[in-house]
Amino acid sequence: MYRAKPEGVESAARSHRAVEISFVGAETDGLEELLRQLPGETLGDNRWTRIYEQELGIKVKYDWTAKGDLYQKKLGVAVASGNIPDVVKVNAQQLRLLTNKGLIQDLSQVYERYASPLTKDILSQEGTGPFDAATIDGRLMAIPETNSSIDRALLIWIRTDWLNRLGLQPPQTIDDVLAISKAFTTGDPDRNGRPDTYGLAVTRNLWDPAMGVAGFMAGYGAFPNLWVTNSFGELEYGGIQPEVKTALQELQNMYRSGQIDSEFGMKDSTKVGKQVAAGKIGMLYGEQWSSFAVQGSRGIDPSAEWQAFPLVSGSGEPPQVPLRFSTWQFYAVRKDVPHPEAVVQLFNLHLEKNWGASAAYESYYISPLPVWQLSPVTPYPARKNLEAFQQLDKARRTGDFSFLKDEARAIKKRLDAYASGGPDKESGWGWEKIYGPNGAYGIIDRYEQNHQLLPDGFNGALTDTMMDRQSILNELQDEAFIRIILGRPIDEFDRFVEEWHRLGGDRMTEEVNRWHAEKGRERKETD
């Protein structure tokens, strides 16, 4: 049960004295479009700011707002200068900088005292990792904006109309993936008589969530960007393991044979997405929401059909599915703010109004517009999407839909639009591919049941070397991998590994394993 006013503490609402809390705001095209559809609401005055003031006595204001790159630049300047609002949402590196400068408060006791049971339950769905990442020198220096790792599980999205046209079956092994990619490239799947299709979508961001290569590499037991456990129980960086070299060699072969666009290194997801929409690409590795990324192909060809399939390995055995640590933003409170508990109370009310006993989901989350975006804090249950699928799956099997909760009921409306075959059918197509009987979450549910999910082994606060060298090492890795795919000798991978070790990778590995050992001791003490 949500408690806005902890026992023994006089809240601003009770004393009729509003507590004013300042933020800074990021404007986006999506937010601007949302506000255009909500007359009488602005970022600074909307249903969320009003309920925060009415129920909590907390008045939200924005010191400034900015869009896109300008927002990031202004935030960077604010953090560097210490000219931050009362509450500021920052990344891990910015959090460490503010902590080192002594500009923000320790929120350990604040969170323990003011977080509602619902908040504590929801923010713990990702385990202790989000709080570990926000804890520096034993102090909780921010409230983590927990994200969903399981939502980031990767799948293979394939044009099934092309599969059927070419007489192919869904992949069971990585060799099947290679065969499908080759057929989509050379077999004229669009039947236009021209060699103008590609087997696999890849962007210049190799780790793109909808068109990246991480899922492909997992088929070779390669997990770049994760810290993985070796046979001695120690953590090693996945990007330097020999399995990555094998996967890169195969990607290079695919590139040389025209299965990957020769200009992928210059194209972002928007440009590659246009190729998908134009019917030029038949397969990609992506997260569950990738159905919306491929739906554009139906605008040109209404018969285009896509389906998600599970990742596959070389042996045909179910592979491990990489889950990158997903909490990367944190709410820090400036040192001199007299009511640091306000940010926790905002979390409490946001979660209560969407998923608590007094939830008004269709008023404060999806109306059907995404009105949750109007709140300065946007926590959510990490497992909400998977749980919505599980509810829908049970309802389909039993024929009883009466027990569906708000989120599942809202999704069912989308699925019903698709099933009706009426004029709104297309609006439900992407949802059907995610939550339908053969949808993406059915696969993710099986991933979890089969213990295939491989979480990142490191989820602590940034180490000293990470602060100094992480961006350099990431750039070194990505440039080396792209060069190899484009045709440089595969031995360049070995030179990259040597450079990685020399430029700070060894020190970073030592720091990560000190953290790993300390966490192990803490677990033993707890047990």
Protein backbone atom coordinates (compact mmCIF):
# COMPACT_ATOMS: atom_id res chain seq x y z
CA MET A 1 0.00 0.00 0.00
CA TYR A 2 1.31 3.41 -0.96
CA ARG A 3 2.03 5.83 1.90
CA ALA A 4 2.69 9.38 0.77
CA LYS A 5 3.17 10.56 4.36
CA PRO A 6 5.47 8.26 6.39
CA GLU A 7 4.48 7.87 10.00
CA GLY A 8 6.06 10.48 12.27
CA VAL A 9 7.03 12.76 9.39
CA GLU A 10 5.18 15.95 8.60
CA SER A 11 4.74 16.11 4.84
CA ALA A 12 4.39 19.25 2.80
CA ALA A 13 0.81 18.27 2.03
CA ARG A 14 -0.12 18.03 5.70
CA SER A 15 1.49 21.33 6.63
CA HIS A 16 0.02 23.13 3.58
CA ARG A 17 3.49 24.30 2.59
CA ALA A 18 4.38 23.24 -0.93
CA VAL A 19 7.87 21.89 -1.42
CA GLU A 20 9.24 23.13 -4.74
CA ILE A 21 11.58 20.72 -6.51
CA SER A 22 13.42 21.68 -9.68
CA PHE A 23 14.42 19.44 -12.57
CA VAL A 24 15.74 19.97 -16.09
CA GLY A 25 13.78 18.53 -19.00
CA ALA A 26 14.60 16.77 -22.25
CA GLU A 27 12.31 17.69 -25.12
CA THR A 28 11.79 15.06 -27.81
CA ASP A 29 9.76 14.85 -31.00
CA GLY A 30 7.58 12.25 -29.29
CA LEU A 31 6.93 14.51 -26.32
CA GLU A 32 6.07 17.45 -28.56
CA GLU A 33 3.61 15.31 -30.51
CA LEU A 34 2.10 14.04 -27.27
CA LEU A 35 1.54 17.57 -25.95
CA ARG A 36 -0.07 18.63 -29.23
CA GLN A 37 -2.70 15.98 -28.58
CA LEU A 38 -3.27 17.05 -24.96
CA PRO A 39 -4.81 20.56 -24.94
CA GLY A 40 -4.23 22.37 -21.68
CA GLU A 41 -1.19 20.33 -20.70
CA THR A 42 2.48 21.30 -20.91
CA LEU A 43 5.66 19.73 -19.60
CA GLY A 44 5.51 22.03 -16.57
CA ASP A 45 1.75 21.85 -15.99
CA ASN A 46 0.03 18.55 -16.63
CA ARG A 47 -1.88 15.74 -14.96
CA TRP A 48 1.28 14.46 -13.27
CA THR A 49 2.58 17.77 -11.94
CA ARG A 50 -0.93 18.51 -10.65
CA ILE A 51 -1.38 15.23 -8.80
CA TYR A 52 2.09 15.53 -7.28
CA GLU A 53 1.15 18.91 -5.86
CA GLN A 54 -2.36 17.87 -4.81
CA GLU A 55 -1.46 14.62 -3.07
CA LEU A 56 2.12 15.24 -1.94
CA GLY A 57 2.45 18.99 -1.68
CA ILE A 58 5.37 18.80 -4.11
CA LYS A 59 5.48 21.44 -6.82
CA VAL A 60 7.58 20.41 -9.81
CA LYS A 61 9.34 23.04 -11.88
CA TYR A 62 11.94 22.95 -14.65
CA ASP A 63 14.99 25.20 -14.54
CA TRP A 64 15.41 24.70 -18.26
CA THR A 65 14.47 22.36 -21.09
CA ALA A 66 16.30 21.55 -24.31
CA LYS A 67 16.11 19.12 -27.19
CA GLY A 68 18.34 16.27 -28.37
CA ASP A 69 22.07 16.95 -28.46
CA LEU A 70 21.57 20.43 -26.96
CA TYR A 71 20.03 18.87 -23.86
CA GLN A 72 22.98 16.52 -23.44
CA LYS A 73 25.45 19.37 -23.90
CA LYS A 74 23.67 21.63 -21.40
CA LEU A 75 23.41 18.78 -18.90
CA GLY A 76 27.12 18.05 -19.32
CA VAL A 77 27.98 21.69 -18.66
CA ALA A 78 25.67 21.78 -15.63
CA VAL A 79 27.27 18.67 -14.12
CA ALA A 80 30.80 19.91 -14.82
CA SER A 81 30.07 23.32 -13.27
CA GLY A 82 27.98 22.03 -10.39
CA ASN A 83 25.07 24.23 -11.46
CA ILE A 84 22.50 21.46 -11.19
CA PRO A 85 18.79 21.53 -10.29
CA ASP A 86 17.42 20.10 -7.04
CA VAL A 87 17.04 16.68 -8.68
CA VAL A 88 19.05 15.72 -11.75
CA LYS A 89 18.89 12.59 -13.88
CA VAL A 90 22.44 11.54 -14.77
CA ASN A 91 24.37 8.63 -16.20
CA ALA A 92 26.87 6.54 -14.25
CA GLN A 93 29.85 8.69 -15.15
CA GLN A 94 28.07 11.92 -14.23
CA LEU A 95 26.95 10.37 -10.96
CA ARG A 96 30.52 9.53 -10.09
CA LEU A 97 31.68 13.07 -10.97
CA LEU A 98 29.02 14.69 -8.80
CA THR A 99 29.86 12.33 -5.95
CA ASN A 100 33.59 13.03 -6.19
CA LYS A 101 32.88 16.77 -6.09
CA GLY A 102 30.66 16.42 -3.02
CA LEU A 103 27.72 18.07 -4.79
CA ILE A 104 24.99 15.49 -4.06
CA GLN A 105 23.46 13.81 -1.02
CA ASP A 106 23.72 10.32 0.36
CA LEU A 107 20.19 8.93 -0.04
CA SER A 108 20.68 5.65 1.84
CA GLN A 109 18.49 6.55 4.82
CA VAL A 110 16.10 8.63 2.73
CA TYR A 111 15.27 5.70 0.49
CA GLU A 112 15.00 3.24 3.36
CA ARG A 113 12.67 5.52 5.31
CA TYR A 114 10.45 6.96 2.58
CA ALA A 115 10.19 4.35 -0.17
CA SER A 116 6.83 2.60 -0.06
CA PRO A 117 6.66 -1.21 0.02
CA LEU A 118 5.45 -1.10 -3.60
CA THR A 119 8.42 1.03 -4.64
CA LYS A 120 10.89 -1.23 -2.87
CA ASP A 121 9.31 -4.29 -4.47
CA ILE A 122 9.34 -2.88 -7.99
CA LEU A 123 12.82 -1.36 -7.83
CA SER A 124 14.19 -4.72 -6.65
CA GLN A 125 12.87 -6.67 -9.65
CA GLU A 126 16.28 -6.30 -11.31
CA GLY A 127 18.00 -7.59 -8.18
CA THR A 128 20.55 -5.50 -6.29
CA GLY A 129 22.34 -4.41 -9.48
CA PRO A 130 20.66 -1.01 -9.96
CA PHE A 131 21.43 -0.04 -6.36
CA ASP A 132 24.94 -1.43 -6.60
CA ALA A 133 25.49 0.83 -9.61
CA ALA A 134 24.30 3.85 -7.61
CA THR A 135 26.32 3.00 -4.50
CA ILE A 136 29.71 4.69 -4.24
CA ASP A 137 31.99 4.09 -1.25
CA GLY A 138 29.12 2.40 0.57
CA ARG A 139 26.69 5.30 0.07
CA LEU A 140 23.56 5.31 -2.09
CA MET A 141 24.19 8.49 -4.08
CA ALA A 142 21.08 8.37 -6.28
CA ILE A 143 17.83 6.54 -6.84
CA PRO A 144 18.25 4.27 -9.87
CA GLU A 145 15.84 4.56 -12.77
CA THR A 146 15.58 0.81 -13.03
CA ASN A 147 15.10 -0.44 -16.55
CA SER A 148 14.11 -3.85 -17.84
CA SER A 149 16.90 -6.22 -18.78
CA ILE A 150 14.55 -9.01 -19.83
CA ASP A 151 12.84 -6.71 -22.33
CA ARG A 152 16.23 -6.46 -24.07
CA ALA A 153 16.50 -10.19 -24.76
CA LEU A 154 17.36 -10.66 -28.43
CA LEU A 155 15.46 -12.58 -31.08
CA ILE A 156 15.77 -13.26 -34.81
CA TRP A 157 13.13 -11.39 -36.84
CA ILE A 158 12.57 -12.97 -40.27
CA ARG A 159 10.31 -12.20 -43.22
CA THR A 160 8.27 -15.39 -43.24
CA ASP A 161 6.67 -14.58 -46.60
CA TRP A 162 10.19 -14.73 -48.06
CA LEU A 163 10.88 -17.99 -46.23
CA ASN A 164 7.74 -19.52 -47.71
CA ARG A 165 8.43 -18.15 -51.18
CA LEU A 166 11.90 -19.71 -51.22
CA GLY A 167 10.79 -22.98 -49.61
CA LEU A 168 12.86 -22.47 -46.45
CA GLN A 169 12.23 -23.45 -42.85
CA PRO A 170 12.86 -21.35 -39.72
CA PRO A 171 16.43 -21.67 -38.43
CA GLN A 172 17.42 -24.39 -36.00
CA THR A 173 21.19 -23.73 -36.08
CA ILE A 174 23.48 -20.84 -36.95
CA ASP A 175 24.23 -22.62 -40.25
CA ASP A 176 20.53 -22.32 -41.07
CA VAL A 177 20.74 -18.57 -40.39
CA LEU A 178 23.65 -18.33 -42.84
CA ALA A 179 21.73 -20.32 -45.45
CA ILE A 180 18.65 -18.11 -45.07
CA SER A 181 20.77 -14.97 -45.33
CA LYS A 182 22.39 -16.24 -48.53
CA ALA A 183 19.03 -17.22 -50.03
CA PHE A 184 17.51 -13.84 -49.19
CA THR A 185 20.47 -12.22 -50.97
CA THR A 186 20.72 -14.39 -54.09
CA GLY A 187 17.29 -15.99 -54.45
CA ASP A 188 15.34 -12.88 -55.55
CA PRO A 189 12.82 -13.17 -52.68
CA ASP A 190 10.94 -10.06 -53.81
CA ARG A 191 10.62 -11.50 -57.34
CA ASN A 192 11.60 -8.28 -59.08
CA GLY A 193 14.36 -9.92 -61.12
CA ARG A 194 17.10 -7.71 -59.63
CA PRO A 195 19.89 -8.53 -57.13
CA ASP A 196 18.81 -5.79 -54.72
CA THR A 197 18.12 -7.56 -51.42
CA TYR A 198 20.27 -8.26 -48.36
CA GLY A 199 20.14 -11.19 -45.99
CA LEU A 200 20.92 -9.40 -42.72
CA ALA A 201 20.37 -5.88 -41.42
CA VAL A 202 23.41 -4.28 -39.77
CA THR A 203 23.97 -0.64 -38.82
CA ARG A 204 27.09 1.35 -38.01
CA ASN A 205 26.11 0.84 -34.35
CA LEU A 206 26.99 -2.83 -34.09
CA TRP A 207 25.00 -3.11 -30.88
CA ASP A 208 21.82 -1.50 -32.19
CA PRO A 209 18.83 -2.94 -30.26
CA ALA A 210 16.89 -3.67 -33.45
CA MET A 211 19.56 -4.20 -36.12
CA GLY A 212 22.73 -5.16 -34.30
CA VAL A 213 25.04 -8.17 -34.32
CA ALA A 214 25.01 -9.14 -30.61
CA GLY A 215 22.35 -11.82 -31.18
CA PHE A 216 24.27 -13.22 -34.15
CA MET A 217 27.46 -13.40 -32.09
CA ALA A 218 25.61 -15.17 -29.27
CA GLY A 219 25.08 -18.02 -31.72
CA TYR A 220 28.87 -18.53 -31.57
CA GLY A 221 29.02 -18.25 -27.77
CA ALA A 222 30.42 -14.72 -28.09
CA PHE A 223 29.21 -11.97 -25.76
CA PRO A 224 30.83 -8.60 -26.45
CA ASN A 225 29.94 -5.86 -23.94
CA LEU A 226 29.25 -8.35 -21.13
CA TRP A 227 31.49 -9.40 -18.28
CA VAL A 228 31.35 -13.19 -18.22
CA THR A 229 32.48 -15.75 -15.66
CA ASN A 230 35.43 -17.96 -16.57
CA SER A 231 36.18 -21.48 -15.34
CA PHE A 232 37.95 -20.07 -12.27
CA GLY A 233 34.91 -18.07 -11.19
CA GLU A 234 36.52 -14.78 -12.21
CA LEU A 235 35.06 -12.14 -14.52
CA GLU A 236 36.48 -11.59 -18.00
CA TYR A 237 35.44 -9.09 -20.61
CA GLY A 238 33.43 -10.82 -23.33
CA GLY A 239 34.63 -8.60 -26.14
CA ILE A 240 38.14 -10.05 -26.13
CA GLN A 241 37.27 -13.75 -26.10
CA PRO A 242 38.22 -16.02 -29.06
CA GLU A 243 34.56 -16.76 -29.86
CA VAL A 244 34.19 -13.12 -30.95
CA LYS A 245 36.91 -13.63 -33.54
CA THR A 246 35.02 -16.59 -35.02
CA ALA A 247 31.80 -14.56 -35.27
CA LEU A 248 33.61 -11.61 -36.86
CA GLN A 249 35.12 -13.90 -39.49
CA GLU A 250 31.65 -15.10 -40.47
CA LEU A 251 30.28 -11.55 -40.60
CA GLN A 252 33.18 -10.65 -42.87
CA ASN A 253 32.29 -13.57 -45.15
CA MET A 254 28.68 -12.38 -45.28
CA TYR A 255 29.80 -8.85 -46.10
CA ARG A 256 32.10 -10.03 -48.89
CA SER A 257 29.31 -12.07 -50.47
CA GLY A 258 26.91 -9.12 -50.46
CA GLN A 259 24.61 -10.38 -47.70
CA ILE A 260 25.30 -7.20 -45.68
CA ASP A 261 24.96 -3.78 -47.27
CA SER A 262 28.39 -2.53 -48.36
CA GLU A 263 27.55 0.89 -46.87
CA PHE A 264 26.37 -0.34 -43.45
CA GLY A 265 29.29 1.45 -41.75
CA MET A 266 27.80 4.79 -42.79
CA LYS A 267 24.15 4.04 -42.01
CA ASP A 268 22.32 4.46 -38.73
CA SER A 269 19.14 2.63 -37.74
CA THR A 270 16.94 5.23 -39.45
CA LYS A 271 18.61 4.67 -42.83
CA VAL A 272 18.66 0.89 -42.48
CA GLY A 273 15.04 1.05 -41.31
CA LYS A 274 14.16 2.71 -44.61
CA GLN A 275 15.78 -0.22 -46.43
CA VAL A 276 13.66 -2.62 -44.38
CA ALA A 277 10.55 -0.58 -45.20
CA ALA A 278 11.48 -0.65 -48.88
CA GLY A 279 11.55 -4.46 -48.80
CA LYS A 280 15.31 -4.79 -49.24
CA ILE A 281 16.20 -6.73 -46.07
CA GLY A 282 14.69 -9.98 -44.83
CA MET A 283 16.27 -10.69 -41.45
CA LEU A 284 17.54 -8.85 -38.38
CA TYR A 285 18.49 -9.50 -34.78
CA GLY A 286 16.50 -7.31 -32.41
CA GLU A 287 14.57 -6.87 -29.20
CA GLN A 288 10.86 -7.61 -28.76
CA TRP A 289 9.71 -4.19 -29.99
CA SER A 290 11.42 -4.75 -33.35
CA SER A 291 8.03 -5.64 -34.81
CA PHE A 292 7.39 -1.91 -35.02
CA ALA A 293 10.76 -1.42 -36.74
CA VAL A 294 9.84 -3.88 -39.50
CA GLN A 295 6.16 -2.99 -39.85
CA GLY A 296 7.00 -0.27 -42.35
CA SER A 297 7.64 -2.95 -44.97
CA ARG A 298 3.89 -3.59 -45.03
CA GLY A 299 3.28 -0.08 -46.33
CA ILE A 300 4.80 -1.00 -49.70
CA ASP A 301 3.93 -4.69 -49.62
CA PRO A 302 0.83 -5.50 -47.49
CA SER A 303 1.66 -9.19 -47.83
CA ALA A 304 4.98 -8.73 -45.99
CA GLU A 305 4.99 -10.89 -42.87
CA TRP A 306 7.56 -11.05 -40.10
CA GLN A 307 7.91 -13.31 -37.09
CA ALA A 308 10.27 -13.54 -34.16
CA PHE A 309 12.29 -16.73 -33.68
CA PRO A 310 14.64 -17.75 -30.85
CA LEU A 311 18.39 -17.34 -31.10
CA VAL A 312 20.17 -20.43 -32.36
CA SER A 313 23.65 -21.89 -31.87
CA GLY A 314 26.07 -23.87 -33.99
CA SER A 315 25.16 -27.14 -32.31
CA GLY A 316 21.42 -26.61 -32.32
CA GLU A 317 21.36 -26.55 -28.53
CA PRO A 318 19.63 -23.48 -27.04
CA PRO A 319 22.31 -20.78 -26.69
CA GLN A 320 22.77 -18.35 -23.86
CA VAL A 321 21.00 -15.07 -24.54
CA PRO A 322 22.97 -11.98 -23.49
CA LEU A 323 21.26 -9.45 -21.22
CA ARG A 324 23.16 -6.20 -20.92
CA PHE A 325 22.78 -4.39 -17.61
CA SER A 326 19.98 -1.94 -18.35
CA THR A 327 20.00 0.60 -15.55
CA TRP A 328 22.06 3.51 -16.79
CA GLN A 329 20.34 6.61 -15.40
CA PHE A 330 19.99 7.78 -11.81
CA TYR A 331 18.18 10.56 -9.91
CA ALA A 332 20.66 12.46 -7.75
CA VAL A 333 19.71 15.20 -5.25
CA ARG A 334 21.78 18.37 -4.83
CA LYS A 335 23.66 18.65 -1.53
CA ASP A 336 21.74 21.61 -0.11
CA VAL A 337 18.18 20.46 -0.92
CA PRO A 338 16.24 20.40 2.40
CA HIS A 339 13.70 17.77 1.31
CA PRO A 340 15.59 14.98 -0.49
CA GLU A 341 12.72 12.63 0.33
CA ALA A 342 10.61 14.41 -2.31
CA VAL A 343 12.14 12.42 -5.17
CA VAL A 344 11.31 9.13 -3.41
CA GLN A 345 7.75 10.31 -2.80
CA LEU A 346 7.40 11.11 -6.50
CA PHE A 347 8.52 7.54 -7.25
CA ASN A 348 5.97 6.21 -4.75
CA LEU A 349 3.03 8.06 -6.26
CA HIS A 350 4.01 7.36 -9.87
CA LEU A 351 4.13 3.63 -9.20
CA GLU A 352 0.98 3.65 -7.10
CA LYS A 353 -1.10 5.46 -9.72
CA ASN A 354 -0.02 3.03 -12.42
CA TRP A 355 0.44 -0.34 -10.69
CA GLY A 356 -0.75 0.03 -7.08
CA ALA A 357 -4.03 -0.69 -5.33
CA SER A 358 -5.46 2.68 -6.43
CA ALA A 359 -4.08 2.53 -9.97
CA ALA A 360 -5.70 4.64 -12.68
CA TYR A 361 -3.60 3.18 -15.49
CA GLU A 362 -5.59 4.60 -18.39
CA SER A 363 -5.45 8.08 -16.89
CA TYR A 364 -1.79 8.20 -15.91
CA TYR A 365 0.10 5.68 -18.03
CA ILE A 366 -1.60 4.97 -21.38
CA SER A 367 -4.71 6.96 -22.16
CA PRO A 368 -4.20 5.49 -24.93
CA LEU A 369 -1.54 8.18 -25.37
CA PRO A 370 1.74 7.59 -23.47
CA VAL A 371 0.98 10.19 -20.79
CA TRP A 372 3.52 8.65 -18.41
CA GLN A 373 6.09 10.71 -20.32
CA LEU A 374 4.75 13.88 -18.69
CA SER A 375 6.16 12.91 -15.29
CA PRO A 376 9.67 14.00 -14.25
CA VAL A 377 10.23 10.50 -12.83
CA THR A 378 9.11 7.43 -14.74
CA PRO A 379 9.83 4.22 -12.79
CA TYR A 380 8.06 1.06 -13.89
CA PRO A 381 8.08 -2.67 -13.07
CA ALA A 382 10.91 -4.33 -14.96
CA ARG A 383 8.81 -7.43 -15.63
CA LYS A 384 5.54 -5.71 -16.50
CA ASN A 385 5.62 -6.59 -20.20
CA LEU A 386 6.51 -10.23 -19.66
CA GLU A 387 3.87 -10.50 -16.94
CA ALA A 388 1.28 -8.96 -19.28
CA PHE A 389 2.10 -11.63 -21.87
CA GLN A 390 1.85 -14.38 -19.24
CA GLN A 391 -1.60 -13.12 -18.23
CA LEU A 392 -2.74 -13.01 -21.85
CA ASP A 393 -1.29 -16.44 -22.52
CA LYS A 394 -3.14 -17.92 -19.57
CA ALA A 395 -6.36 -16.19 -20.60
CA ARG A 396 -6.10 -17.57 -24.14
CA ARG A 397 -5.55 -21.08 -22.80
CA THR A 398 -8.38 -20.96 -20.27
CA GLY A 399 -10.82 -18.70 -22.08
CA ASP A 400 -11.10 -16.55 -18.95
CA PHE A 401 -10.03 -12.94 -19.52
CA SER A 402 -11.62 -11.54 -16.36
CA PHE A 403 -8.42 -11.53 -14.29
CA LEU A 404 -6.33 -9.42 -16.70
CA LYS A 405 -4.69 -6.42 -15.05
CA ASP A 406 -4.61 -2.93 -16.54
CA GLU A 407 -1.56 -3.39 -18.77
CA ALA A 408 -2.73 -6.71 -20.17
CA ARG A 409 -6.23 -5.32 -20.76
CA ALA A 410 -4.80 -2.36 -22.68
CA ILE A 411 -2.71 -4.70 -24.84
CA LYS A 412 -5.71 -6.96 -25.45
CA LYS A 413 -7.51 -4.03 -27.06
CA ARG A 414 -4.66 -3.79 -29.56
CA LEU A 415 -4.76 -7.53 -30.20
CA ASP A 416 -8.53 -7.44 -30.65
CA ALA A 417 -8.13 -4.68 -33.26
CA TYR A 418 -5.80 -6.97 -35.19
CA ALA A 419 -8.04 -10.02 -34.84
CA SER A 420 -11.11 -8.11 -35.98
CA GLY A 421 -9.71 -7.65 -39.47
CA GLY A 422 -11.34 -4.23 -39.54
CA PRO A 423 -9.91 -0.84 -40.56
CA ASP A 424 -7.79 -0.72 -37.38
CA LYS A 425 -6.17 -4.10 -38.04
CA GLU A 426 -2.79 -2.63 -38.96
CA SER A 427 -2.62 -0.74 -35.66
CA GLY A 428 -2.54 -4.10 -33.89
CA TRP A 429 -0.12 -5.91 -36.21
CA GLY A 430 3.04 -5.03 -34.27
CA TRP A 431 1.38 -5.85 -30.94
CA GLU A 432 0.29 -9.26 -32.22
CA LYS A 433 3.90 -10.02 -33.17
CA ILE A 434 4.99 -9.24 -29.62
CA TYR A 435 2.13 -10.50 -27.41
CA GLY A 436 0.25 -12.91 -29.66
CA PRO A 437 0.32 -16.72 -29.30
CA ASN A 438 3.43 -16.90 -31.52
CA GLY A 439 4.85 -13.58 -30.39
CA ALA A 440 8.20 -12.44 -29.10
CA TYR A 441 7.35 -12.70 -25.41
CA GLY A 442 6.44 -16.34 -25.75
CA ILE A 443 10.05 -16.91 -26.79
CA ILE A 444 11.42 -14.71 -24.00
CA ASP A 445 9.25 -16.61 -21.51
CA ARG A 446 10.84 -19.86 -22.70
CA TYR A 447 14.31 -18.30 -22.52
CA GLU A 448 13.71 -17.70 -18.83
CA GLN A 449 12.16 -21.10 -18.16
CA ASN A 450 15.12 -22.78 -19.90
CA HIS A 451 17.67 -20.72 -17.93
CA GLN A 452 19.14 -19.32 -21.15
CA LEU A 453 19.37 -15.70 -20.04
CA LEU A 454 22.94 -14.54 -19.42
CA PRO A 455 23.07 -11.34 -17.35
CA ASP A 456 26.07 -9.04 -17.29
CA GLY A 457 28.46 -10.20 -14.59
CA PHE A 458 29.32 -6.63 -13.55
CA ASN A 459 26.71 -4.14 -12.40
CA GLY A 460 28.55 -2.04 -9.86
CA ALA A 461 29.41 1.65 -9.88
CA LEU A 462 31.99 2.67 -12.45
CA THR A 463 35.53 1.86 -11.39
CA ASP A 464 38.34 4.42 -11.58
CA THR A 465 39.68 2.95 -14.81
CA MET A 466 36.21 2.81 -16.34
CA MET A 467 35.85 6.53 -15.62
CA ASP A 468 39.13 7.22 -17.36
CA ARG A 469 39.28 4.59 -20.10
CA GLN A 470 35.89 2.99 -20.80
CA SER A 471 34.95 5.26 -23.72
CA ILE A 472 38.41 4.84 -25.26
CA LEU A 473 38.22 1.06 -25.02
CA ASN A 474 34.68 0.97 -26.41
CA GLU A 475 35.74 3.06 -29.38
CA LEU A 476 38.81 0.87 -29.91
CA GLN A 477 36.63 -2.24 -29.95
CA ASP A 478 33.93 -0.94 -32.27
CA GLU A 479 36.39 0.47 -34.79
CA ALA A 480 38.36 -2.79 -34.86
CA PHE A 481 35.23 -4.90 -35.30
CA ILE A 482 33.89 -2.75 -38.14
CA ARG A 483 37.26 -2.80 -39.93
CA ILE A 484 37.34 -6.58 -39.72
CA ILE A 485 33.80 -6.95 -41.07
CA LEU A 486 34.75 -4.62 -43.92
CA GLY A 487 37.63 -6.90 -44.88
CA ARG A 488 40.72 -6.29 -42.77
CA PRO A 489 42.69 -9.46 -41.91
CA ILE A 490 41.08 -11.38 -39.07
CA ASP A 491 44.35 -11.25 -37.12
CA GLU A 492 43.56 -7.60 -36.48
CA PHE A 493 41.35 -8.96 -33.71
CA ASP A 494 44.44 -10.21 -31.88
CA ARG A 495 46.05 -6.77 -32.17
CA PHE A 496 42.87 -5.22 -30.78
CA VAL A 497 42.99 -7.56 -27.79
CA GLU A 498 46.61 -6.61 -27.09
CA GLU A 499 45.74 -2.91 -27.27
CA TRP A 500 42.70 -3.42 -25.05
CA HIS A 501 44.85 -4.96 -22.34
CA ARG A 502 47.54 -2.28 -22.68
CA LEU A 503 45.24 0.74 -22.68
CA GLY A 504 43.56 -0.09 -19.40
CA GLY A 505 41.73 -3.35 -19.87
CA ASP A 506 43.99 -5.20 -17.43
CA ARG A 507 43.49 -2.59 -14.71
CA MET A 508 39.76 -2.55 -15.34
CA THR A 509 39.61 -6.34 -15.06
CA GLU A 510 41.43 -6.20 -11.71
CA GLU A 511 38.97 -3.61 -10.40
CA VAL A 512 35.95 -5.55 -11.64
CA ASN A 513 37.19 -8.71 -9.92
CA ARG A 514 37.81 -6.87 -6.64
CA TRP A 515 34.17 -5.77 -6.79
CA HIS A 516 33.14 -9.33 -7.73
CA ALA A 517 35.01 -10.79 -4.76
CA GLU A 518 33.48 -8.25 -2.38
CA LYS A 519 29.98 -9.05 -3.64
CA GLY A 520 30.72 -12.73 -3.11
CA ARG A 521 31.71 -12.07 0.49
CA GLU A 522 28.55 -10.03 1.04
CA ARG A 523 26.40 -12.86 -0.32
CA LYS A 524 28.06 -15.37 2.00
CA GLU A 525 27.50 -13.11 5.00
CA THR A 526 23.85 -12.68 4.02
CA ASP A 527 23.38 -16.43 3.59
